[in-house]
Protein backbone atom coordinates (compact mmCIF):
# COMPACT_ATOMS: atom_id res chain seq x y z
CA GLY A 1 6.56 -7.14 6.42
CA VAL A 2 6.26 -10.43 4.52
CA SER A 3 8.91 -9.29 2.02
CA SER A 4 11.25 -8.12 4.97
CA LEU A 5 10.94 -11.52 6.67
CA ALA A 6 11.68 -13.41 3.43
CA LEU A 7 14.70 -11.22 2.70
CA LEU A 8 16.11 -11.55 6.26
CA HIS A 9 15.42 -15.31 6.45
CA ARG A 10 17.12 -16.08 3.14
CA LEU A 11 20.11 -13.83 3.83
CA LEU A 12 20.74 -14.80 7.48
CA THR A 13 20.24 -18.46 6.61
CA ALA A 14 22.80 -18.12 3.78
CA MET A 15 25.17 -16.54 6.26
CA GLY A 16 24.86 -19.61 8.52
CA GLY A 17 22.15 -18.32 11.02
CA ARG A 18 19.39 -20.48 12.53
CA VAL A 19 16.37 -18.47 11.79
CA GLN A 20 12.66 -18.89 12.28
CA CYS A 21 9.90 -16.65 11.03
CA PHE A 22 6.78 -15.71 13.01
CA LEU A 23 3.69 -13.91 11.78
CA PRO A 24 0.90 -12.83 14.19
CA HIS A 25 -2.69 -13.74 13.26
CA ARG A 26 -4.22 -10.35 12.28
CA SER A 27 -7.70 -11.19 13.61
CA GLY A 28 -6.90 -12.73 16.97
CA GLU A 29 -3.46 -11.14 17.76
CA GLY A 30 -3.54 -7.84 15.90
CA TYR A 31 -0.63 -6.14 14.32
CA GLY A 32 3.05 -6.05 15.62
CA LEU A 33 4.22 -6.85 19.10
CA SER A 34 0.84 -7.73 20.73
CA ALA A 35 0.92 -9.59 24.03
CA ALA A 36 -0.98 -12.61 22.47
CA GLY A 37 1.41 -12.73 19.52
CA VAL A 38 4.52 -12.62 21.68
CA ALA A 39 3.23 -15.37 23.89
CA ARG A 40 2.59 -17.72 20.92
CA CYS A 41 6.00 -16.81 19.45
CA PHE A 42 7.78 -17.86 22.65
CA ALA A 43 5.72 -20.99 22.95
CA GLU A 44 6.58 -22.10 19.38
CA HIS A 45 10.11 -20.89 19.11
CA ALA A 46 11.62 -19.81 22.46
CA PRO A 47 13.96 -17.23 20.74
CA ASP A 48 17.19 -15.96 22.18
CA LEU A 49 17.04 -12.98 19.82
CA LEU A 50 13.84 -11.49 18.45
CA LEU A 51 14.05 -9.27 15.36
CA ALA A 52 10.83 -7.16 15.26
CA VAL A 53 10.26 -6.27 11.68
CA ASP A 54 7.90 -3.53 10.44
CA CYS A 55 6.72 -2.90 14.03
CA GLY A 56 8.04 -2.22 17.55
CA THR A 57 9.15 1.39 17.47
CA ASN A 58 6.58 2.40 20.16
CA SER A 59 6.11 -0.98 21.82
CA LEU A 60 7.88 -0.08 25.03
CA ARG A 61 5.86 -2.44 27.33
CA GLU A 62 5.96 -5.41 24.89
CA VAL A 63 9.78 -5.05 24.39
CA ALA A 64 10.23 -5.04 28.17
CA GLU A 65 8.19 -8.14 28.49
CA ILE A 66 10.17 -9.90 25.73
CA GLN A 67 13.39 -9.02 27.55
CA ALA A 68 11.98 -10.28 30.78
CA ARG A 69 11.50 -13.62 29.09
CA GLY A 70 15.22 -13.70 28.39
CA ALA A 71 15.52 -12.67 24.77
CA ASP A 72 17.34 -9.76 23.17
CA VAL A 73 15.35 -7.47 20.92
CA VAL A 74 16.34 -5.76 17.68
CA ILE A 75 13.72 -3.54 15.95
CA LEU A 76 13.77 -2.87 12.26
CA ASP A 77 10.96 -0.54 11.55
CA HIS A 78 9.87 2.71 9.75
CA HIS A 79 6.85 3.88 11.66
CA GLU A 80 6.59 7.26 13.32
CA PRO A 81 8.42 7.25 16.64
CA ALA A 82 6.91 8.59 19.84
CA ALA A 83 8.81 10.74 22.31
CA GLU A 84 10.05 7.75 24.23
CA LEU A 85 11.62 4.72 22.46
CA PRO A 86 11.94 1.12 23.72
CA ARG A 87 15.24 0.20 25.47
CA CYS A 88 16.49 -2.74 23.40
CA THR A 89 19.68 -4.14 21.88
CA ALA A 90 19.23 -2.07 18.74
CA LEU A 91 16.43 0.10 17.13
CA VAL A 92 16.93 0.82 13.38
CA ASN A 93 14.37 3.24 12.11
CA PRO A 94 15.09 5.87 9.48
CA LYS A 95 12.74 8.32 11.07
CA THR A 96 14.84 8.49 14.20
CA GLY A 97 17.91 9.82 12.36
CA PRO A 98 18.75 13.14 10.60
CA ASP A 99 19.07 11.83 7.07
CA PHE A 100 16.90 9.74 4.76
CA HIS A 101 13.58 9.05 6.43
CA TYR A 102 11.66 7.15 3.77
CA LEU A 103 12.89 3.56 3.77
CA CYS A 104 10.19 0.91 4.18
CA SER A 105 10.96 -2.05 6.48
CA ALA A 106 12.28 -4.13 3.59
CA GLY A 107 14.67 -1.30 2.79
CA VAL A 108 15.84 -1.28 6.34
CA ALA A 109 16.29 -5.06 6.23
CA PHE A 110 18.29 -4.65 3.02
CA LYS A 111 20.53 -2.10 4.65
CA LEU A 112 21.07 -4.45 7.62
CA GLY A 113 22.07 -7.04 5.22
CA HIS A 114 24.58 -4.63 3.55
CA ALA A 115 26.03 -3.82 6.99
CA LEU A 116 26.35 -7.51 7.95
CA LEU A 117 28.10 -8.43 4.68
CA LYS A 118 30.58 -5.43 5.16
CA LEU A 119 31.30 -6.72 8.68
CA LEU A 120 31.31 -10.35 7.75
CA PRO A 121 32.27 -10.63 4.04
CA ARG A 122 30.94 -13.57 2.09
CA PRO A 123 32.11 -13.70 -1.58
CA ASP A 124 29.45 -16.48 -2.21
CA ILE A 125 26.52 -14.09 -1.35
CA ASP A 126 25.50 -11.40 -3.76
CA LEU A 127 23.24 -8.90 -2.16
CA LYS A 128 21.83 -7.80 -5.52
CA ASP A 129 19.94 -11.14 -5.56
CA TYR A 130 17.73 -9.56 -2.81
CA LEU A 131 16.92 -6.33 -4.51
CA ASP A 132 13.75 -7.64 -6.03
CA LEU A 133 12.24 -8.35 -2.61
CA ALA A 134 13.23 -4.90 -1.33
CA ALA A 135 11.56 -3.39 -4.48
CA LEU A 136 8.48 -5.45 -4.04
CA ALA A 137 7.98 -4.02 -0.57
CA THR A 138 9.10 -0.44 -1.33
CA ILE A 139 6.40 0.07 -3.99
CA ALA A 140 3.62 -1.95 -2.14
CA ASP A 141 4.21 0.09 1.07
CA LEU A 142 3.71 3.35 -0.69
CA VAL A 143 6.88 5.03 0.55
CA PRO A 144 8.25 7.89 -1.55
CA LEU A 145 10.30 6.83 -4.65
CA ILE A 146 13.11 9.27 -4.02
CA GLY A 147 16.72 9.01 -3.03
CA GLU A 148 17.79 5.49 -2.09
CA ASN A 149 14.22 4.13 -2.58
CA ARG A 150 14.43 5.12 -6.26
CA ILE A 151 17.72 3.26 -6.59
CA LEU A 152 16.31 0.14 -4.70
CA VAL A 153 13.23 -0.01 -7.00
CA HIS A 154 14.99 0.78 -10.20
CA ARG A 155 17.66 -1.89 -9.77
CA GLY A 156 15.17 -4.15 -8.03
CA LEU A 157 12.78 -4.27 -10.99
CA THR A 158 15.62 -5.20 -13.24
CA GLN A 159 16.51 -7.93 -10.80
CA MET A 160 12.92 -9.15 -10.64
CA ALA A 161 12.97 -9.96 -14.29
CA LYS A 162 15.59 -12.61 -13.69
CA THR A 163 14.60 -13.45 -10.02
CA ARG A 164 16.18 -16.48 -8.48
CA TRP A 165 13.15 -16.90 -6.04
CA PRO A 166 10.73 -19.49 -7.52
CA GLY A 167 7.78 -18.01 -5.57
CA LEU A 168 8.24 -14.57 -7.13
CA ALA A 169 8.60 -16.15 -10.57
CA ALA A 170 5.38 -18.18 -10.02
CA LEU A 171 3.51 -15.07 -8.67
CA MET A 172 4.48 -13.07 -11.84
CA ALA A 173 3.28 -15.90 -14.07
CA VAL A 174 -0.20 -16.11 -12.35
CA ALA A 175 -0.50 -12.36 -12.39
CA GLY A 176 0.50 -11.99 -16.01
CA VAL A 177 3.53 -9.86 -15.27
CA ARG A 178 6.28 -9.94 -17.94
CA PRO A 179 9.43 -7.97 -18.43
CA PRO A 180 10.03 -4.99 -18.63
CA ILE A 181 8.49 -4.91 -15.14
CA ARG A 182 7.23 -1.60 -14.01
CA GLY A 183 6.22 -0.16 -10.58
CA SER A 184 2.45 -0.43 -11.59
CA ASP A 185 2.93 -4.23 -12.03
CA ILE A 186 3.84 -4.50 -8.33
CA GLY A 187 1.16 -1.95 -7.12
CA PHE A 188 -1.72 -3.47 -9.03
CA ARG A 189 -0.77 -7.08 -9.59
CA LEU A 190 1.83 -8.57 -7.40
CA GLY A 191 1.30 -6.56 -4.13
CA PRO A 192 -2.47 -7.33 -3.84
CA ARG A 193 -1.78 -10.94 -4.28
CA ILE A 194 0.94 -11.05 -1.64
CA ASN A 195 -1.39 -9.17 0.75
CA ALA A 196 -4.48 -11.28 -0.01
CA SER A 197 -3.79 -14.02 2.52
CA GLY A 198 -2.91 -11.66 5.34
CA ARG A 199 -6.07 -9.56 4.83
CA LEU A 200 -8.42 -12.47 5.09
CA GLY A 201 -6.38 -14.71 7.57
CA THR A 202 -2.74 -15.14 8.21
CA ALA A 203 0.06 -14.06 5.82
CA GLN A 204 1.88 -17.37 6.36
CA GLU A 205 1.07 -18.69 2.90
CA SER A 206 2.52 -15.51 1.21
CA LEU A 207 5.62 -15.78 3.26
CA GLN A 208 5.97 -19.43 2.38
CA LEU A 209 5.65 -18.41 -1.27
CA LEU A 210 8.72 -16.13 -0.91
CA LEU A 211 10.69 -18.74 1.02
CA THR A 212 10.15 -21.90 -0.99
CA ASP A 213 12.77 -23.15 -3.40
CA ASP A 214 10.43 -25.75 -4.82
CA ALA A 215 8.91 -24.57 -8.23
CA ASP A 216 5.88 -26.87 -7.94
CA GLU A 217 5.03 -25.70 -4.44
CA ALA A 218 5.50 -22.09 -5.58
CA ALA A 219 3.06 -22.53 -8.48
CA HIS A 220 0.53 -24.16 -6.11
CA ILE A 221 0.79 -21.23 -3.53
CA ALA A 222 0.68 -18.67 -6.29
CA ASP A 223 -2.57 -20.13 -7.55
CA SER A 224 -3.99 -20.11 -4.05
CA LEU A 225 -3.10 -16.46 -3.55
CA ASP A 226 -4.68 -15.59 -6.77
CA ARG A 227 -7.98 -17.19 -5.62
CA GLN A 228 -7.69 -15.54 -2.30
CA ASN A 229 -7.24 -12.24 -3.92
CA ARG A 230 -10.51 -12.72 -5.86
CA ASP A 231 -12.16 -13.61 -2.47
CA ARG A 232 -10.72 -10.45 -0.94
CA GLN A 233 -12.08 -8.29 -3.80
CA ALA A 234 -15.58 -9.79 -3.11
CA VAL A 235 -15.35 -9.03 0.62
CA GLU A 236 -13.97 -5.60 -0.18
CA ARG A 237 -16.94 -4.76 -2.50
CA HIS A 238 -19.53 -5.91 0.06
CA LEU A 239 -17.83 -3.81 2.81
CA ALA A 240 -17.56 -0.81 0.52
CA GLU A 241 -21.28 -0.91 -0.14
CA GLU A 242 -22.01 -1.11 3.61
CA VAL A 243 -19.65 1.81 4.42
CA GLU A 244 -21.02 3.94 1.60
CA ASN A 245 -24.49 3.44 2.90
CA TRP A 246 -23.34 4.58 6.36
CA VAL A 247 -21.65 7.67 4.78
CA ASN A 248 -24.76 8.55 2.89
CA LYS A 249 -26.78 8.53 6.08
CA HIS A 250 -24.33 10.20 8.43
CA TYR A 251 -21.78 12.40 6.64
CA ASP A 252 -22.36 16.05 5.66
CA SER A 253 -19.64 17.50 3.48
CA ALA A 254 -20.53 21.01 4.65
CA ARG A 255 -20.36 20.14 8.31
CA ASP A 256 -17.75 17.38 8.73
CA ALA A 257 -13.96 17.57 8.47
CA SER A 258 -13.54 13.80 8.77
CA ILE A 259 -15.20 10.48 8.39
CA VAL A 260 -15.04 8.02 11.31
CA ALA A 261 -17.24 4.98 11.11
CA GLY A 262 -17.40 1.66 12.96
CA GLN A 263 -19.68 -1.33 13.02
CA LYS A 264 -19.72 -4.87 14.24
CA ASP A 265 -18.23 -7.58 11.92
CA TRP A 266 -16.72 -5.14 9.43
CA HIS A 267 -13.75 -7.21 8.23
CA HIS A 268 -10.65 -5.41 9.49
CA GLY A 269 -8.50 -7.11 6.92
CA VAL A 270 -9.89 -4.94 4.10
CA LEU A 271 -10.81 -1.87 6.10
CA GLY A 272 -7.66 -0.07 4.96
CA ILE A 273 -8.51 -0.55 1.31
CA VAL A 274 -12.06 0.68 1.80
CA ALA A 275 -10.94 3.59 3.91
CA ALA A 276 -8.64 4.76 1.08
CA ARG A 277 -11.55 4.45 -1.43
CA VAL A 278 -13.94 6.45 0.87
CA MET A 279 -11.07 9.06 1.42
CA ARG A 280 -10.62 9.52 -2.35
CA ARG A 281 -14.38 9.78 -3.03
CA HIS A 282 -15.15 12.26 -0.30
CA HIS A 283 -11.76 13.83 0.25
CA ARG A 284 -11.83 13.59 3.99
CA PRO A 285 -9.46 11.88 6.37
CA THR A 286 -11.23 8.59 7.09
CA VAL A 287 -10.98 5.96 9.90
CA LEU A 288 -12.97 2.66 9.65
CA VAL A 289 -13.24 0.33 12.55
CA GLY A 290 -14.66 -3.22 12.87
CA PHE A 291 -15.78 -4.56 16.29
CA ASP A 292 -15.67 -8.18 17.42
CA GLU A 293 -18.09 -10.00 19.78
CA ALA A 294 -16.34 -8.70 22.91
CA GLY A 295 -16.60 -5.03 21.65
CA LEU A 296 -12.94 -4.63 20.73
CA GLY A 297 -12.43 -2.66 17.54
CA LYS A 298 -9.55 -2.67 15.15
CA GLY A 299 -9.46 -0.23 12.34
CA SER A 300 -7.48 1.56 9.61
CA GLY A 301 -7.26 5.22 8.61
CA ARG A 302 -6.19 6.95 5.44
CA SER A 303 -5.57 10.67 5.11
CA ILE A 304 -5.68 13.57 2.58
CA GLU A 305 -2.64 15.67 1.68
CA GLY A 306 -1.66 18.12 4.34
CA PHE A 307 -3.36 16.25 7.24
CA SER A 308 -1.23 13.96 9.55
CA LEU A 309 -3.27 11.10 10.81
CA VAL A 310 -0.80 9.94 13.43
CA GLU A 311 -0.60 13.42 14.94
CA THR A 312 -4.42 13.63 15.07
CA LEU A 313 -4.62 10.13 16.63
CA GLY A 314 -2.17 11.21 19.24
CA GLN A 315 -4.54 13.97 20.33
CA CYS A 316 -7.24 11.29 20.70
CA ALA A 317 -4.94 8.77 22.52
CA GLN A 318 -6.95 8.77 25.76
CA HIS A 319 -9.84 7.13 24.00
CA LEU A 320 -7.73 4.44 22.29
CA GLU A 321 -6.21 1.21 23.30
CA LYS A 322 -3.35 1.69 20.91
CA PHE A 323 -2.58 3.33 17.62
CA GLY A 324 0.36 3.86 15.18
CA GLY A 325 1.27 4.50 11.61
CA HIS A 326 2.32 7.40 9.31
CA GLU A 327 0.97 10.75 8.23
CA MET A 328 -1.19 9.17 5.42
CA ALA A 329 -2.05 5.73 6.91
CA ALA A 330 -2.52 4.42 10.44
CA GLY A 331 -4.10 1.62 12.51
CA VAL A 332 -6.13 1.83 15.69
CA THR A 333 -7.54 -0.22 18.43
CA VAL A 334 -10.53 1.02 20.35
CA HIS A 335 -13.25 -0.42 22.59
CA HIS A 336 -16.79 0.08 21.50
CA ASP A 337 -17.84 1.99 24.64
CA ARG A 338 -15.10 4.56 23.83
CA PHE A 339 -15.80 4.85 20.13
CA GLU A 340 -18.20 7.76 20.11
CA ASP A 341 -15.82 9.71 22.37
CA PHE A 342 -13.02 8.88 19.90
CA ARG A 343 -15.12 9.87 16.91
CA SER A 344 -15.96 13.26 18.53
CA ALA A 345 -12.41 13.94 19.51
CA PHE A 346 -11.08 13.03 16.09
CA GLU A 347 -13.57 15.35 14.40
CA GLU A 348 -12.81 18.15 16.80
CA SER A 349 -9.09 17.77 16.21
CA ALA A 350 -9.60 17.50 12.45
CA ARG A 351 -11.66 20.62 12.30
CA ALA A 352 -8.96 22.56 14.09
CA ARG A 353 -6.23 21.24 11.75
CA VAL A 354 -7.89 21.74 8.27
CA ASN A 355 -8.85 24.72 6.24
CA PRO A 356 -11.01 25.02 3.02
CA ASP A 357 -7.85 24.66 0.78
CA ILE A 358 -6.90 21.30 2.40
CA LEU A 359 -10.52 20.00 2.16
CA THR A 360 -10.64 20.97 -1.59
CA PRO A 361 -9.58 18.11 -3.83
CA LYS A 362 -6.98 18.98 -6.38
CA LEU A 363 -5.78 17.44 -9.54
CA ARG A 364 -2.36 18.60 -10.60
CA LEU A 365 -1.68 18.45 -14.23
CA ASP A 366 1.78 18.40 -15.66
CA ALA A 367 1.16 19.52 -19.31
CA GLU A 368 -1.55 20.40 -21.90
CA LEU A 369 -1.26 18.41 -25.09
CA PRO A 370 -3.13 18.29 -28.33
CA ILE A 371 -4.47 14.86 -29.53
CA THR A 372 -1.89 14.91 -32.25
CA ALA A 373 0.96 14.68 -29.71
CA LEU A 374 -0.33 11.42 -28.13
CA SER A 375 1.73 8.67 -29.58
CA LEU A 376 3.86 5.67 -28.71
CA SER A 377 6.96 7.70 -28.83
CA LEU A 378 5.62 9.86 -25.99
CA VAL A 379 4.89 6.71 -23.95
CA GLU A 380 8.50 5.55 -24.66
CA MET A 381 9.95 8.87 -23.44
CA GLN A 382 7.79 8.64 -20.33
CA GLU A 383 9.21 5.20 -19.62
CA MET A 384 12.59 6.61 -19.28
CA LEU A 385 11.43 8.29 -16.03
CA GLU A 386 10.37 5.04 -14.42
CA PRO A 387 9.82 3.80 -11.76
CA TYR A 388 6.71 5.75 -10.98
CA GLY A 389 5.05 5.74 -7.58
CA MET A 390 4.87 7.90 -4.43
CA ALA A 391 6.56 11.29 -4.91
CA ASN A 392 7.33 10.43 -8.48
CA ALA A 393 3.93 10.31 -10.02
CA GLN A 394 3.21 9.37 -13.63
CA PRO A 395 2.65 12.64 -15.58
CA ILE A 396 -0.92 13.65 -15.86
CA TYR A 397 -1.82 15.54 -19.14
CA VAL A 398 -4.92 17.36 -20.25
CA VAL A 399 -6.60 17.79 -23.61
CA ARG A 400 -9.19 20.58 -23.95
CA ALA A 401 -12.47 20.73 -25.75
CA VAL A 402 -12.55 17.25 -27.26
CA THR A 403 -15.63 15.26 -28.30
CA PRO A 404 -15.48 11.41 -28.30
CA ILE A 405 -16.24 9.50 -31.42
CA GLY A 406 -19.59 7.86 -30.76
CA SER A 407 -20.89 6.71 -27.39
CA PRO A 408 -18.63 5.26 -24.67
CA ARG A 409 -18.66 1.45 -24.61
CA VAL A 410 -19.21 -0.10 -21.24
CA LEU A 411 -16.74 -2.99 -20.26
CA LYS A 412 -17.47 -5.37 -17.37
CA GLU A 413 -20.32 -3.22 -16.30
CA LYS A 414 -18.12 -0.53 -14.87
CA HIS A 415 -15.36 0.69 -17.22
CA LEU A 416 -15.67 2.87 -20.28
CA ARG A 417 -13.88 2.56 -23.61
CA LEU A 418 -13.72 5.70 -25.71
CA ASP A 419 -11.98 6.97 -28.85
CA PHE A 420 -10.90 10.57 -29.75
CA GLN A 421 -9.72 11.96 -33.07
CA SER A 422 -7.99 15.04 -34.38
CA GLY A 423 -7.40 15.16 -38.09
CA ARG A 424 -5.86 11.72 -38.97
CA GLN A 425 -4.75 11.09 -35.39
CA ARG A 426 -7.01 8.76 -33.60
CA ILE A 427 -6.40 7.37 -30.10
CA GLY A 428 -8.25 5.06 -27.82
CA ALA A 429 -8.94 5.69 -24.16
CA ILE A 430 -9.97 3.59 -21.09
CA TYR A 431 -11.80 5.11 -18.22
CA PHE A 432 -11.63 2.65 -15.23
CA ASN A 433 -14.76 2.73 -13.12
CA GLY A 434 -16.01 5.52 -15.44
CA ALA A 435 -19.52 3.96 -15.50
CA GLU A 436 -19.89 5.27 -11.85
CA HIS A 437 -19.66 8.84 -13.02
CA GLU A 438 -22.34 10.95 -14.84
CA LEU A 439 -20.53 12.36 -17.86
CA PRO A 440 -21.36 15.92 -18.91
CA ARG A 441 -22.32 16.67 -22.46
CA PRO A 442 -19.25 17.15 -24.80
CA PRO A 443 -17.02 18.87 -25.46
CA TRP A 444 -14.88 17.80 -22.55
CA ASP A 445 -11.63 18.70 -20.89
CA VAL A 446 -9.96 15.32 -20.21
CA ALA A 447 -7.22 14.58 -17.68
CA PHE A 448 -5.29 11.41 -18.42
CA THR A 449 -2.08 9.45 -18.25
CA MET A 450 -0.47 7.84 -21.21
CA GLU A 451 -0.12 3.97 -21.23
CA ARG A 452 1.33 1.28 -23.50
CA ASN A 453 -1.63 -0.98 -24.68
CA GLU A 454 -0.62 -4.39 -25.93
CA PHE A 455 -3.33 -6.52 -27.56
CA ASN A 456 -3.08 -9.45 -30.02
CA GLY A 457 0.62 -8.63 -30.65
CA ARG A 458 -0.06 -5.06 -31.48
CA VAL A 459 1.26 -2.21 -29.36
CA ASP A 460 -0.43 1.22 -29.24
CA ALA A 461 -0.52 4.25 -27.16
CA GLN A 462 -3.60 4.66 -25.11
CA MET A 463 -5.09 7.40 -22.85
CA GLN A 464 -6.02 6.19 -19.28
CA ILE A 465 -8.58 8.79 -18.12
CA VAL A 466 -8.22 10.27 -14.61
CA ALA A 467 -11.16 12.80 -14.84
CA ILE A 468 -13.55 14.46 -17.22
CA ARG A 469 -15.31 17.90 -16.93
CA LYS A 470 -17.25 19.99 -19.36
CA ALA A 471 -14.90 22.06 -21.51
CA GLY A 472 -14.02 25.51 -20.12
CA GLU A 473 -15.06 24.84 -16.53
CA ASN A 474 -12.86 25.96 -13.67
């Protein structure tokens, strides 16, 4: 959403438009076109035309209220549409058409810009300058990197290396991102910092970062977002501990097809991140809800492959104030007095939709390699297939029956550093969060990706371990 607003504001302003940006407060106004957010928007800006970005597809009542206030509405969105759509000036959502369904909202905004410049040509505006903003959102929003998305990201990463936007340059500097820029740089470094302010408060600071043309202001905001990201990580760790304690007390893997948990004061700004962690650890569709003093709960869900969250939530709609999202991720609003009914309905629907195959976690391996094949040249060949992301995952390899050299070294109390050797070939490996796992006795079968490791001016190939099992196990 933030990237979409920045792209549209810059482009429409360059075309001569008078544009104001409005972001709802996540805690008090919720997501999208909430009544409270719309009221504040009109009080502050009194728009004649409201472009709803990254929201609005299913906001029939809210769109009607906006039009009753005298404003036209254009919706640029990519969320799953319901059976009935709002009646507005225009609704642009790739999921309502027969062709490419996978653009994120910034991709939709970029396409709108393309259409406007075809209709109103401006030789002084180069739409390629905006590709880096589209790429930033496309990767961070976890849409499939296929078709047009792959083109947007491939060209956008190249544009990002020479970005004309001071805020993006400052963010890359504070995050330690240098060319050649890869999808993982956005997913793990830039995206979390852009999202940090919105998760703990309002995303206004992140938006201002992408809109400012002042390098000093950009550096100041980038530093602030970096600090907020560290604060977000601390809140996330605390919440993850509380949720895991709840799961240990209430969840039974042999009985439950889902995990639905809610508690007062769980910070809804990081619930989605924690829900994703719980989903990965227990391999169950997960919904986490935080309730305020009035008993209103807002939450986030994350799903497993083969299980549509938004369809399941639709079957529980009578217990919810509102919901929306995708197959793999969704948001909900529910009152505390309806929460147990919602939990029961969700579990009942989940149990009817899953089977043992869906509930069995799978690790798909692309190739078996010997240690002797793991080299920098392999990494360089892999890089020709960039950008990696959703629907174009980085290759996962396996080496079988290997024994590490010596004992693993613990880094930062949670990661493991290991070394493997075959003949003269020796290669290092990193196992992020590996200290959380009880390692079997060697020899091991090791699943891993290959990475470029740059340290003290030296570049080596490195294994990044995904999973370890005792050699020969099925």
